[in-house]
Amino acid sequence: MSEQLPDRLSVNPESPFYDADVLARDIGIRFKGVEKTNVEEYCVSEGWVKVAAGNAKDRFGRPMTITLKGPVEPYIRGNAEG
């Protein structure tokens, strides 16, 4: 598999941007230069991440998310560059 990560990725299996093969790797997300561990979805080209909003759940039991805008840097943990 290439070292290039997708422009947009989601951890929700019902999303069209879900990719189990990519998520099986150890992926990290830097948002505004800070490591984020609660990212549900990201888009590099549009510059946003969706993060869990505390312990709140929607009516389907999925975490409620908020969208934050800024520079997004996905990387593969364990690489010399990341």
C-alpha atoms as a PDB file:
ATOM      1  CA  MET A   1       0.000   0.000   0.000  1.00  0.00           C
ATOM      2  CA  SER A   2       1.245   3.486  -0.780  1.00  0.00           C
ATOM      3  CA  GLU A   3       2.264   5.972   1.885  1.00  0.00           C
ATOM      4  CA  GLN A   4      -0.259   8.503   0.520  1.00  0.00           C
ATOM      5  CA  LEU A   5      -3.303   8.854   2.762  1.00  0.00           C
ATOM      6  CA  PRO A   6      -6.710   9.796   1.315  1.00  0.00           C
ATOM      7  CA  ASP A   7      -7.854  13.420   1.205  1.00  0.00           C
ATOM      8  CA  ARG A   8     -10.946  12.501   3.222  1.00  0.00           C
ATOM      9  CA  LEU A   9     -11.427   9.618   5.640  1.00  0.00           C
ATOM     10  CA  SER A  10     -14.107   8.594   8.134  1.00  0.00           C
ATOM     11  CA  VAL A  11     -14.216   6.002  10.931  1.00  0.00           C
ATOM     12  CA  ASN A  12     -17.977   5.478  10.421  1.00  0.00           C
ATOM     13  CA  PRO A  13     -18.573   2.254   8.386  1.00  0.00           C
ATOM     14  CA  GLU A  14     -21.767   3.769   6.922  1.00  0.00           C
ATOM     15  CA  SER A  15     -19.866   6.715   5.408  1.00  0.00           C
ATOM     16  CA  PRO A  16     -18.805   6.661   1.732  1.00  0.00           C
ATOM     17  CA  PHE A  17     -15.372   7.859   2.947  1.00  0.00           C
ATOM     18  CA  TYR A  18     -14.789   4.806   5.168  1.00  0.00           C
ATOM     19  CA  ASP A  19     -11.808   2.622   4.188  1.00  0.00           C
ATOM     20  CA  ALA A  20     -11.065  -0.332   6.464  1.00  0.00           C
ATOM     21  CA  ASP A  21      -7.679  -1.047   4.837  1.00  0.00           C
ATOM     22  CA  VAL A  22      -6.418   2.470   5.531  1.00  0.00           C
ATOM     23  CA  LEU A  23      -7.853   2.514   9.057  1.00  0.00           C
ATOM     24  CA  ALA A  24      -6.073  -0.767   9.848  1.00  0.00           C
ATOM     25  CA  ARG A  25      -2.818   1.199   9.727  1.00  0.00           C
ATOM     26  CA  ASP A  26      -1.748   3.354  12.658  1.00  0.00           C
ATOM     27  CA  ILE A  27      -2.906   6.786  11.437  1.00  0.00           C
ATOM     28  CA  GLY A  28      -2.404  10.004  13.367  1.00  0.00           C
ATOM     29  CA  ILE A  29      -3.997  13.393  12.772  1.00  0.00           C
ATOM     30  CA  ARG A  30      -2.394  16.746  13.499  1.00  0.00           C
ATOM     31  CA  PHE A  31      -4.862  19.617  13.581  1.00  0.00           C
ATOM     32  CA  LYS A  32      -3.340  23.094  13.858  1.00  0.00           C
ATOM     33  CA  GLY A  33      -0.081  21.407  14.855  1.00  0.00           C
ATOM     34  CA  VAL A  34      -1.639  19.479  17.765  1.00  0.00           C
ATOM     35  CA  GLU A  35      -2.132  15.699  17.858  1.00  0.00           C
ATOM     36  CA  LYS A  36      -5.842  14.810  17.991  1.00  0.00           C
ATOM     37  CA  THR A  37      -6.983  11.365  19.126  1.00  0.00           C
ATOM     38  CA  ASN A  38     -10.765  11.818  18.902  1.00  0.00           C
ATOM     39  CA  VAL A  39     -11.147  12.586  15.176  1.00  0.00           C
ATOM     40  CA  GLU A  40     -14.187  10.925  13.581  1.00  0.00           C
ATOM     41  CA  GLU A  41     -13.625  12.285  10.058  1.00  0.00           C
ATOM     42  CA  TYR A  42     -11.224  14.656   8.303  1.00  0.00           C
ATOM     43  CA  CYS A  43     -10.798  16.433   4.969  1.00  0.00           C
ATOM     44  CA  VAL A  44      -7.383  17.854   4.076  1.00  0.00           C
ATOM     45  CA  SER A  45      -8.407  19.849   0.982  1.00  0.00           C
ATOM     46  CA  GLU A  46     -11.304  21.610   2.754  1.00  0.00           C
ATOM     47  CA  GLY A  47      -9.348  21.997   6.017  1.00  0.00           C
ATOM     48  CA  TRP A  48     -11.651  20.523   8.677  1.00  0.00           C
ATOM     49  CA  VAL A  49     -11.965  17.700  11.175  1.00  0.00           C
ATOM     50  CA  LYS A  50     -15.008  16.303  12.949  1.00  0.00           C
ATOM     51  CA  VAL A  51     -14.315  15.457  16.578  1.00  0.00           C
ATOM     52  CA  ALA A  52     -16.462  13.831  19.235  1.00  0.00           C
ATOM     53  CA  ALA A  53     -18.337  16.351  21.394  1.00  0.00           C
ATOM     54  CA  GLY A  54     -17.785  14.879  24.844  1.00  0.00           C
ATOM     55  CA  ASN A  55     -19.893  11.842  25.709  1.00  0.00           C
ATOM     56  CA  ALA A  56     -23.011  13.086  23.879  1.00  0.00           C
ATOM     57  CA  LYS A  57     -24.710  10.582  21.558  1.00  0.00           C
ATOM     58  CA  ASP A  58     -27.231  11.089  18.769  1.00  0.00           C
ATOM     59  CA  ARG A  59     -30.488   9.140  18.591  1.00  0.00           C
ATOM     60  CA  PHE A  60     -28.725   6.261  16.817  1.00  0.00           C
ATOM     61  CA  GLY A  61     -26.081   5.915  19.552  1.00  0.00           C
ATOM     62  CA  ARG A  62     -23.260   7.446  17.498  1.00  0.00           C
ATOM     63  CA  PRO A  63     -21.089  10.168  19.062  1.00  0.00           C
ATOM     64  CA  MET A  64     -22.194  13.745  18.413  1.00  0.00           C
ATOM     65  CA  THR A  65     -19.520  15.623  16.488  1.00  0.00           C
ATOM     66  CA  ILE A  66     -18.450  19.195  15.962  1.00  0.00           C
ATOM     67  CA  THR A  67     -16.572  20.476  12.934  1.00  0.00           C
ATOM     68  CA  LEU A  68     -13.353  22.408  13.506  1.00  0.00           C
ATOM     69  CA  LYS A  69     -11.670  24.317  10.673  1.00  0.00           C
ATOM     70  CA  GLY A  70      -7.929  24.667  10.213  1.00  0.00           C
ATOM     71  CA  PRO A  71      -4.894  22.917   8.710  1.00  0.00           C
ATOM     72  CA  VAL A  72      -5.141  19.093   8.821  1.00  0.00           C
ATOM     73  CA  GLU A  73      -2.091  16.806   8.557  1.00  0.00           C
ATOM     74  CA  PRO A  74      -2.770  13.051   8.466  1.00  0.00           C
ATOM     75  CA  TYR A  75       0.267  10.808   8.838  1.00  0.00           C
ATOM     76  CA  ILE A  76       1.196   7.212   9.513  1.00  0.00           C
ATOM     77  CA  ARG A  77       2.566   6.814  13.039  1.00  0.00           C
ATOM     78  CA  GLY A  78       5.936   5.142  13.348  1.00  0.00           C
ATOM     79  CA  ASN A  79       7.316   6.688  10.148  1.00  0.00           C
ATOM     80  CA  ALA A  80      10.455   8.776  10.364  1.00  0.00           C
ATOM     81  CA  GLU A  81       8.569  11.703   8.793  1.00  0.00           C
ATOM     82  CA  GLY A  82       5.622  11.549  11.247  1.00  0.00           C
END
